[in-house]
Amino acid sequence: MTTQANHKRNMRESSIETLNAEKWASLAWLDGNKYPANELTEDWKKVLFNQFHDLAAGSGIGVIYKDAQKDYDVVRWSTNEISANALETVTERINTGDTKKDEEGQALVVFNPLGWKRSGTVVAHIPGHRADLSLSIQKADPCPEQSSTRSAQWPA
C-alpha cells in the first residue's frame, strides 16, 4: 500500500481530464475553433513527467509530491478551461427545444466522453430548482427524479 494515495489519484484523474479535454477540443475544432495543441501538449508533459517510477511507486521524497501537486493543479485548471470553452461551442449548436422559449424551462445537456453507452445517475445542481422538476429526453416520457433542496438526480 502506498503512502501517496493522493498522488496516484491525481495521476489517474489528470490523464482522464487531459484526454477528455482533447476530445472536446477536437469536436469544437470541427466547428471552427482553434485547436489548443500547445496547451494540451504542455498538460500532457506535466502529467507524464509526474508519472515516473519514484513518484508513481510512492517512494519519492516529500518535496517532489508538493511540486507534482502544483503541476496537477495547473493541468486541472487548464483542462477545465479547454473543456469548458470547447463544450460551450458544441452546446451552441444543440437544439434543446422549439423556437418558443419556455420561461419556466431550462436546458440541461449531459456529455458522455466514453466511446460507449453508459449507465449511472446524472446529478445536476440547478440554481433555483423547483420541487416539481422533471426531465424529458427527446420527447420520451419524463424520467423519474429524486430531488433534494440543492440538486436533482436522474438515471442516465
N, C-alpha and C. Protein backbone atom coordinates (compact mmCIF):
# COMPACT_ATOMS: atom_id res chain seq x y z
N MET A 1 0.85 -1.18 0.00
CA MET A 1 0.00 0.00 0.00
C MET A 1 0.89 1.24 0.00
N THR A 2 0.56 2.19 -0.82
CA THR A 2 1.36 3.41 -0.91
C THR A 2 0.92 4.45 0.12
N THR A 3 1.84 5.29 0.48
CA THR A 3 1.51 6.40 1.37
C THR A 3 1.14 7.63 0.57
N GLN A 4 1.16 7.53 -0.74
CA GLN A 4 0.89 8.67 -1.61
C GLN A 4 -0.38 8.46 -2.44
N ALA A 5 -1.46 8.13 -1.76
CA ALA A 5 -2.72 7.86 -2.46
C ALA A 5 -3.21 9.08 -3.24
N ASN A 6 -3.02 10.27 -2.69
CA ASN A 6 -3.45 11.49 -3.38
C ASN A 6 -2.72 11.64 -4.71
N HIS A 7 -1.43 11.33 -4.73
CA HIS A 7 -0.66 11.42 -5.97
C HIS A 7 -1.18 10.42 -7.01
N LYS A 8 -1.46 9.22 -6.56
CA LYS A 8 -1.97 8.20 -7.50
C LYS A 8 -3.33 8.61 -8.06
N ARG A 9 -4.18 9.20 -7.22
CA ARG A 9 -5.48 9.68 -7.70
C ARG A 9 -5.25 10.81 -8.72
N ASN A 10 -4.32 11.73 -8.41
CA ASN A 10 -4.01 12.81 -9.35
C ASN A 10 -3.49 12.26 -10.68
N MET A 11 -2.67 11.23 -10.63
CA MET A 11 -2.15 10.63 -11.85
C MET A 11 -3.30 10.16 -12.74
N ARG A 12 -4.22 9.43 -12.15
CA ARG A 12 -5.34 8.87 -12.92
C ARG A 12 -6.28 9.97 -13.41
N GLU A 13 -6.68 10.86 -12.50
CA GLU A 13 -7.64 11.90 -12.88
C GLU A 13 -7.07 12.87 -13.91
N SER A 14 -5.80 13.23 -13.79
CA SER A 14 -5.23 14.17 -14.76
C SER A 14 -5.13 13.56 -16.15
N SER A 15 -4.86 12.27 -16.23
CA SER A 15 -4.84 11.60 -17.54
C SER A 15 -6.23 11.63 -18.17
N ILE A 16 -7.24 11.33 -17.37
CA ILE A 16 -8.62 11.33 -17.87
C ILE A 16 -9.04 12.73 -18.28
N GLU A 17 -8.74 13.72 -17.44
CA GLU A 17 -9.13 15.10 -17.73
C GLU A 17 -8.45 15.62 -19.00
N THR A 18 -7.19 15.27 -19.19
CA THR A 18 -6.47 15.74 -20.37
C THR A 18 -7.00 15.06 -21.63
N LEU A 19 -7.25 13.76 -21.54
CA LEU A 19 -7.82 13.05 -22.68
C LEU A 19 -9.20 13.59 -23.03
N ASN A 20 -10.03 13.84 -22.03
CA ASN A 20 -11.36 14.40 -22.30
C ASN A 20 -11.26 15.80 -22.90
N ALA A 21 -10.34 16.61 -22.42
CA ALA A 21 -10.15 17.95 -23.00
C ALA A 21 -9.77 17.84 -24.48
N GLU A 22 -8.95 16.85 -24.81
CA GLU A 22 -8.60 16.63 -26.22
C GLU A 22 -9.84 16.27 -27.04
N LYS A 23 -10.68 15.41 -26.49
CA LYS A 23 -11.91 15.01 -27.20
C LYS A 23 -12.81 16.20 -27.45
N TRP A 24 -13.07 16.99 -26.39
CA TRP A 24 -13.97 18.13 -26.54
C TRP A 24 -13.37 19.18 -27.47
N ALA A 25 -12.07 19.41 -27.36
CA ALA A 25 -11.42 20.40 -28.23
C ALA A 25 -11.48 19.95 -29.69
N SER A 26 -11.39 18.65 -29.93
CA SER A 26 -11.50 18.13 -31.30
C SER A 26 -12.88 18.38 -31.88
N LEU A 27 -13.91 18.19 -31.06
CA LEU A 27 -15.27 18.47 -31.53
C LEU A 27 -15.45 19.96 -31.85
N ALA A 28 -14.92 20.81 -30.97
CA ALA A 28 -15.04 22.25 -31.21
C ALA A 28 -14.21 22.66 -32.43
N TRP A 29 -13.08 22.00 -32.66
CA TRP A 29 -12.25 22.27 -33.84
C TRP A 29 -13.03 21.98 -35.11
N LEU A 30 -13.83 20.92 -35.10
CA LEU A 30 -14.66 20.60 -36.26
C LEU A 30 -15.65 21.72 -36.57
N ASP A 31 -15.97 22.50 -35.53
CA ASP A 31 -16.90 23.62 -35.70
C ASP A 31 -16.16 24.93 -35.97
N GLY A 32 -14.84 24.87 -36.12
CA GLY A 32 -14.08 26.05 -36.49
C GLY A 32 -13.23 26.66 -35.39
N ASN A 33 -13.30 26.16 -34.18
CA ASN A 33 -12.45 26.70 -33.11
C ASN A 33 -10.99 26.31 -33.34
N LYS A 34 -10.09 27.14 -32.82
CA LYS A 34 -8.66 26.82 -32.88
C LYS A 34 -8.40 25.66 -31.92
N TYR A 35 -7.66 24.66 -32.39
CA TYR A 35 -7.32 23.52 -31.54
C TYR A 35 -6.19 23.93 -30.60
N PRO A 36 -6.34 23.73 -29.28
CA PRO A 36 -5.34 24.17 -28.31
C PRO A 36 -4.16 23.20 -28.18
N ALA A 37 -3.47 22.97 -29.27
CA ALA A 37 -2.39 21.97 -29.30
C ALA A 37 -1.28 22.28 -28.30
N ASN A 38 -0.84 23.53 -28.25
CA ASN A 38 0.26 23.88 -27.34
C ASN A 38 -0.13 23.67 -25.88
N GLU A 39 -1.33 24.08 -25.53
CA GLU A 39 -1.78 23.94 -24.15
C GLU A 39 -1.90 22.46 -23.77
N LEU A 40 -2.47 21.67 -24.65
CA LEU A 40 -2.63 20.24 -24.37
C LEU A 40 -1.28 19.54 -24.32
N THR A 41 -0.35 19.94 -25.17
CA THR A 41 1.00 19.35 -25.13
C THR A 41 1.66 19.64 -23.79
N GLU A 42 1.54 20.87 -23.31
CA GLU A 42 2.11 21.22 -22.01
C GLU A 42 1.43 20.45 -20.88
N ASP A 43 0.13 20.27 -20.98
CA ASP A 43 -0.59 19.49 -19.96
C ASP A 43 -0.10 18.05 -19.95
N TRP A 44 0.02 17.45 -21.13
CA TRP A 44 0.50 16.06 -21.20
C TRP A 44 1.92 15.94 -20.66
N LYS A 45 2.77 16.91 -20.93
CA LYS A 45 4.15 16.87 -20.41
C LYS A 45 4.14 16.84 -18.89
N LYS A 46 3.31 17.66 -18.27
CA LYS A 46 3.23 17.68 -16.81
C LYS A 46 2.68 16.36 -16.27
N VAL A 47 1.63 15.86 -16.91
CA VAL A 47 1.02 14.60 -16.47
C VAL A 47 2.05 13.47 -16.54
N LEU A 48 2.70 13.34 -17.68
CA LEU A 48 3.63 12.22 -17.88
C LEU A 48 4.91 12.37 -17.07
N PHE A 49 5.39 13.59 -16.90
CA PHE A 49 6.59 13.80 -16.08
C PHE A 49 6.35 13.31 -14.65
N ASN A 50 5.16 13.55 -14.14
CA ASN A 50 4.86 13.20 -12.75
C ASN A 50 4.43 11.75 -12.58
N GLN A 51 4.58 10.95 -13.63
CA GLN A 51 4.28 9.53 -13.52
C GLN A 51 5.54 8.68 -13.54
N PHE A 52 6.71 9.29 -13.34
CA PHE A 52 7.92 8.48 -13.35
C PHE A 52 7.96 7.58 -12.11
N HIS A 53 8.81 6.58 -12.14
CA HIS A 53 8.72 5.46 -11.20
C HIS A 53 8.83 5.83 -9.72
N ASP A 54 9.67 6.77 -9.34
CA ASP A 54 9.76 7.12 -7.91
C ASP A 54 8.47 7.73 -7.40
N LEU A 55 7.88 8.62 -8.20
CA LEU A 55 6.62 9.24 -7.79
C LEU A 55 5.48 8.22 -7.80
N ALA A 56 5.38 7.46 -8.89
CA ALA A 56 4.27 6.52 -9.04
C ALA A 56 4.28 5.44 -7.97
N ALA A 57 5.47 5.03 -7.56
CA ALA A 57 5.58 3.97 -6.55
C ALA A 57 5.40 4.48 -5.13
N GLY A 58 5.43 5.80 -4.97
CA GLY A 58 5.27 6.36 -3.63
C GLY A 58 6.56 6.38 -2.83
N SER A 59 7.69 6.22 -3.51
CA SER A 59 8.96 6.13 -2.79
C SER A 59 9.80 7.39 -2.89
N GLY A 60 9.22 8.47 -3.41
CA GLY A 60 9.96 9.72 -3.54
C GLY A 60 9.98 10.50 -2.24
N ILE A 61 10.77 11.57 -2.23
CA ILE A 61 10.81 12.43 -1.04
C ILE A 61 9.63 13.41 -1.10
N GLY A 62 9.26 13.94 0.04
CA GLY A 62 8.06 14.76 0.17
C GLY A 62 7.98 15.96 -0.76
N VAL A 63 9.10 16.63 -0.99
CA VAL A 63 9.08 17.85 -1.78
C VAL A 63 8.64 17.59 -3.23
N ILE A 64 8.96 16.43 -3.77
CA ILE A 64 8.57 16.17 -5.16
C ILE A 64 7.06 15.97 -5.29
N TYR A 65 6.42 15.51 -4.22
CA TYR A 65 4.96 15.37 -4.26
C TYR A 65 4.29 16.74 -4.20
N LYS A 66 4.91 17.67 -3.49
CA LYS A 66 4.38 19.04 -3.46
C LYS A 66 4.51 19.70 -4.83
N ASP A 67 5.66 19.49 -5.48
CA ASP A 67 5.85 20.02 -6.83
C ASP A 67 4.87 19.38 -7.81
N ALA A 68 4.68 18.08 -7.68
CA ALA A 68 3.75 17.37 -8.55
C ALA A 68 2.33 17.89 -8.35
N GLN A 69 1.95 18.17 -7.11
CA GLN A 69 0.61 18.69 -6.83
C GLN A 69 0.40 20.03 -7.55
N LYS A 70 1.42 20.88 -7.56
CA LYS A 70 1.33 22.16 -8.27
C LYS A 70 1.09 21.92 -9.76
N ASP A 71 1.83 20.96 -10.33
CA ASP A 71 1.63 20.64 -11.74
C ASP A 71 0.21 20.12 -12.00
N TYR A 72 -0.27 19.25 -11.14
CA TYR A 72 -1.62 18.71 -11.31
C TYR A 72 -2.67 19.81 -11.19
N ASP A 73 -2.45 20.78 -10.31
CA ASP A 73 -3.37 21.90 -10.19
C ASP A 73 -3.41 22.71 -11.47
N VAL A 74 -2.24 22.93 -12.08
CA VAL A 74 -2.17 23.67 -13.35
C VAL A 74 -2.89 22.89 -14.45
N VAL A 75 -2.65 21.58 -14.51
CA VAL A 75 -3.30 20.74 -15.52
C VAL A 75 -4.82 20.76 -15.33
N ARG A 76 -5.26 20.63 -14.10
CA ARG A 76 -6.70 20.63 -13.82
C ARG A 76 -7.32 21.96 -14.27
N TRP A 77 -6.69 23.08 -13.95
CA TRP A 77 -7.21 24.37 -14.36
C TRP A 77 -7.23 24.47 -15.89
N SER A 78 -6.13 24.11 -16.52
CA SER A 78 -6.01 24.21 -17.98
C SER A 78 -7.04 23.34 -18.69
N THR A 79 -7.15 22.09 -18.29
CA THR A 79 -8.09 21.19 -18.96
C THR A 79 -9.54 21.58 -18.70
N ASN A 80 -9.82 22.14 -17.52
CA ASN A 80 -11.18 22.64 -17.26
C ASN A 80 -11.50 23.80 -18.19
N GLU A 81 -10.55 24.70 -18.40
CA GLU A 81 -10.76 25.83 -19.31
C GLU A 81 -10.94 25.35 -20.75
N ILE A 82 -10.08 24.44 -21.18
CA ILE A 82 -10.18 23.92 -22.55
C ILE A 82 -11.52 23.22 -22.75
N SER A 83 -11.89 22.37 -21.81
CA SER A 83 -13.16 21.64 -21.92
C SER A 83 -14.36 22.58 -21.90
N ALA A 84 -14.36 23.53 -20.98
CA ALA A 84 -15.49 24.46 -20.87
C ALA A 84 -15.66 25.27 -22.16
N ASN A 85 -14.56 25.78 -22.70
CA ASN A 85 -14.63 26.56 -23.95
C ASN A 85 -15.12 25.70 -25.11
N ALA A 86 -14.60 24.49 -25.20
CA ALA A 86 -15.00 23.60 -26.29
C ALA A 86 -16.46 23.18 -26.17
N LEU A 87 -16.88 22.82 -24.96
CA LEU A 87 -18.27 22.38 -24.78
C LEU A 87 -19.25 23.52 -24.97
N GLU A 88 -18.83 24.74 -24.67
CA GLU A 88 -19.68 25.90 -24.94
C GLU A 88 -19.94 26.01 -26.44
N THR A 89 -18.89 25.81 -27.24
CA THR A 89 -19.03 25.84 -28.69
C THR A 89 -19.98 24.74 -29.16
N VAL A 90 -19.82 23.55 -28.62
CA VAL A 90 -20.66 22.42 -29.03
C VAL A 90 -22.11 22.65 -28.62
N THR A 91 -22.34 23.11 -27.39
CA THR A 91 -23.72 23.27 -26.92
C THR A 91 -24.46 24.38 -27.67
N GLU A 92 -23.73 25.35 -28.22
CA GLU A 92 -24.38 26.40 -29.00
C GLU A 92 -25.07 25.81 -30.23
N ARG A 93 -24.62 24.66 -30.70
CA ARG A 93 -25.18 24.02 -31.89
C ARG A 93 -26.32 23.05 -31.58
N ILE A 94 -26.58 22.80 -30.31
CA ILE A 94 -27.59 21.82 -29.93
C ILE A 94 -28.94 22.50 -29.79
N ASN A 95 -29.93 21.98 -30.49
CA ASN A 95 -31.29 22.49 -30.39
C ASN A 95 -31.95 21.81 -29.19
N THR A 96 -32.19 22.57 -28.14
CA THR A 96 -32.76 21.99 -26.92
C THR A 96 -34.25 22.23 -26.79
N GLY A 97 -34.89 22.73 -27.81
CA GLY A 97 -36.33 22.96 -27.75
C GLY A 97 -36.82 23.64 -28.99
N ASP A 98 -38.10 24.01 -28.96
CA ASP A 98 -38.64 24.70 -30.12
C ASP A 98 -38.28 26.18 -30.07
N THR A 99 -38.73 26.91 -31.07
CA THR A 99 -38.36 28.31 -31.16
C THR A 99 -39.01 29.17 -30.09
N LYS A 100 -40.12 28.71 -29.52
CA LYS A 100 -40.76 29.46 -28.44
C LYS A 100 -40.02 29.15 -27.14
N LYS A 101 -39.50 30.15 -26.51
CA LYS A 101 -38.78 29.96 -25.26
C LYS A 101 -39.79 29.80 -24.13
N ASP A 102 -39.65 28.71 -23.40
CA ASP A 102 -40.46 28.48 -22.22
C ASP A 102 -39.77 29.17 -21.06
N GLU A 103 -40.42 30.18 -20.51
CA GLU A 103 -39.80 30.93 -19.43
C GLU A 103 -39.53 30.07 -18.21
N GLU A 104 -40.28 29.01 -18.06
CA GLU A 104 -40.09 28.11 -16.92
C GLU A 104 -39.00 27.08 -17.18
N GLY A 105 -38.68 26.82 -18.43
CA GLY A 105 -37.76 25.75 -18.79
C GLY A 105 -36.30 26.14 -18.75
N GLN A 106 -35.47 25.14 -18.52
CA GLN A 106 -34.02 25.35 -18.53
C GLN A 106 -33.41 24.10 -19.16
N ALA A 107 -32.55 24.30 -20.14
CA ALA A 107 -31.94 23.16 -20.82
C ALA A 107 -30.80 22.59 -19.99
N LEU A 108 -30.69 21.28 -20.02
CA LEU A 108 -29.60 20.57 -19.36
C LEU A 108 -29.04 19.59 -20.39
N VAL A 109 -27.77 19.76 -20.75
CA VAL A 109 -27.11 18.88 -21.71
C VAL A 109 -26.07 18.07 -20.95
N VAL A 110 -26.09 16.75 -21.15
CA VAL A 110 -25.15 15.85 -20.48
C VAL A 110 -24.25 15.23 -21.55
N PHE A 111 -22.94 15.32 -21.35
CA PHE A 111 -21.97 14.78 -22.30
C PHE A 111 -21.36 13.50 -21.73
N ASN A 112 -21.14 12.54 -22.61
CA ASN A 112 -20.50 11.28 -22.25
C ASN A 112 -19.20 11.18 -23.06
N PRO A 113 -18.04 11.27 -22.41
CA PRO A 113 -16.78 11.23 -23.15
C PRO A 113 -16.36 9.82 -23.55
N LEU A 114 -17.09 8.82 -23.10
CA LEU A 114 -16.73 7.44 -23.43
C LEU A 114 -17.18 7.09 -24.84
N GLY A 115 -16.63 6.06 -25.38
CA GLY A 115 -16.99 5.61 -26.71
C GLY A 115 -18.12 4.59 -26.70
N TRP A 116 -18.83 4.49 -25.60
CA TRP A 116 -19.92 3.53 -25.47
C TRP A 116 -20.99 4.13 -24.57
N LYS A 117 -22.19 3.54 -24.66
CA LYS A 117 -23.30 3.97 -23.83
C LYS A 117 -22.96 3.69 -22.38
N ARG A 118 -23.30 4.60 -21.51
CA ARG A 118 -23.00 4.39 -20.10
C ARG A 118 -24.27 4.44 -19.28
N SER A 119 -24.21 3.82 -18.14
CA SER A 119 -25.34 3.85 -17.23
C SER A 119 -24.89 4.54 -15.94
N GLY A 120 -25.81 4.87 -15.13
CA GLY A 120 -25.49 5.55 -13.88
C GLY A 120 -26.49 6.63 -13.61
N THR A 121 -26.16 7.47 -12.69
CA THR A 121 -27.04 8.55 -12.29
C THR A 121 -26.42 9.89 -12.66
N VAL A 122 -27.23 10.76 -13.20
CA VAL A 122 -26.81 12.12 -13.50
C VAL A 122 -27.24 12.98 -12.33
N VAL A 123 -26.30 13.71 -11.76
CA VAL A 123 -26.60 14.63 -10.67
C VAL A 123 -26.37 16.04 -11.18
N ALA A 124 -27.39 16.87 -11.11
CA ALA A 124 -27.28 18.25 -11.59
C ALA A 124 -27.62 19.20 -10.46
N HIS A 125 -26.76 20.16 -10.24
CA HIS A 125 -27.02 21.22 -9.26
C HIS A 125 -27.58 22.40 -10.03
N ILE A 126 -28.87 22.63 -9.88
CA ILE A 126 -29.58 23.61 -10.69
C ILE A 126 -30.01 24.77 -9.79
N PRO A 127 -29.50 25.96 -10.04
CA PRO A 127 -29.90 27.12 -9.24
C PRO A 127 -31.40 27.36 -9.35
N GLY A 128 -32.05 27.61 -8.24
CA GLY A 128 -33.48 27.90 -8.24
C GLY A 128 -34.33 26.69 -8.58
N HIS A 129 -33.82 25.51 -8.42
CA HIS A 129 -34.52 24.28 -8.78
C HIS A 129 -35.81 24.13 -7.98
N ARG A 130 -36.87 23.77 -8.70
CA ARG A 130 -38.19 23.62 -8.09
C ARG A 130 -38.42 22.18 -7.68
N ALA A 131 -39.34 21.96 -6.78
CA ALA A 131 -39.65 20.61 -6.29
C ALA A 131 -40.30 19.76 -7.37
N ASP A 132 -40.99 20.36 -8.33
CA ASP A 132 -41.70 19.58 -9.36
C ASP A 132 -40.88 19.43 -10.64
N LEU A 133 -39.58 19.45 -10.52
CA LEU A 133 -38.68 19.35 -11.65
C LEU A 133 -38.80 17.98 -12.31
N SER A 134 -38.81 17.95 -13.65
CA SER A 134 -38.80 16.68 -14.36
C SER A 134 -37.89 16.80 -15.57
N LEU A 135 -37.58 15.67 -16.16
CA LEU A 135 -36.66 15.62 -17.29
C LEU A 135 -37.30 14.84 -18.42
N SER A 136 -37.22 15.38 -19.61
CA SER A 136 -37.68 14.66 -20.79
C SER A 136 -36.49 14.48 -21.72
N ILE A 137 -36.37 13.29 -22.28
CA ILE A 137 -35.28 13.01 -23.19
C ILE A 137 -35.87 12.77 -24.57
N GLN A 138 -35.62 13.67 -25.50
CA GLN A 138 -36.10 13.56 -26.88
C GLN A 138 -37.54 13.08 -26.96
N LYS A 139 -38.44 13.80 -26.35
CA LYS A 139 -39.87 13.52 -26.36
C LYS A 139 -40.23 12.19 -25.71
N ALA A 140 -39.31 11.62 -24.93
CA ALA A 140 -39.63 10.40 -24.19
C ALA A 140 -40.46 10.77 -22.97
N ASP A 141 -41.00 9.77 -22.34
CA ASP A 141 -41.72 10.04 -21.10
C ASP A 141 -40.77 10.65 -20.09
N PRO A 142 -41.27 11.53 -19.24
CA PRO A 142 -40.38 12.11 -18.23
C PRO A 142 -39.73 11.02 -17.39
N CYS A 143 -38.47 11.24 -17.06
CA CYS A 143 -37.73 10.29 -16.24
C CYS A 143 -38.05 10.52 -14.77
N PRO A 144 -37.98 9.48 -13.96
CA PRO A 144 -38.19 9.69 -12.52
C PRO A 144 -37.07 10.54 -11.95
N GLU A 145 -37.44 11.36 -11.01
CA GLU A 145 -36.48 12.28 -10.42
C GLU A 145 -36.45 12.11 -8.92
N GLN A 146 -35.26 12.21 -8.38
CA GLN A 146 -35.08 12.25 -6.94
C GLN A 146 -34.45 13.60 -6.66
N SER A 147 -35.06 14.37 -5.77
CA SER A 147 -34.50 15.69 -5.55
C SER A 147 -34.26 15.99 -4.09
N SER A 148 -33.38 16.93 -3.89
CA SER A 148 -33.14 17.48 -2.57
C SER A 148 -33.30 18.98 -2.71
N THR A 149 -32.95 19.70 -1.71
CA THR A 149 -33.09 21.16 -1.80
C THR A 149 -32.06 21.78 -2.73
N ARG A 150 -30.96 21.07 -3.04
CA ARG A 150 -29.89 21.67 -3.83
C ARG A 150 -29.58 20.96 -5.14
N SER A 151 -30.13 19.78 -5.39
CA SER A 151 -29.79 19.09 -6.61
C SER A 151 -30.90 18.15 -7.03
N ALA A 152 -30.81 17.66 -8.25
CA ALA A 152 -31.75 16.69 -8.78
C ALA A 152 -30.96 15.55 -9.41
N GLN A 153 -31.53 14.34 -9.39
CA GLN A 153 -30.85 13.17 -9.94
C GLN A 153 -31.78 12.42 -10.86
N TRP A 154 -31.22 11.94 -11.99
CA TRP A 154 -31.96 11.13 -12.93
C TRP A 154 -31.10 9.96 -13.35
N PRO A 155 -31.73 8.84 -13.73
CA PRO A 155 -30.92 7.74 -14.29
C PRO A 155 -30.40 8.15 -15.66
N ALA A 156 -29.18 7.76 -15.98
CA ALA A 156 -28.57 8.10 -17.26
C ALA A 156 -29.09 7.17 -18.34
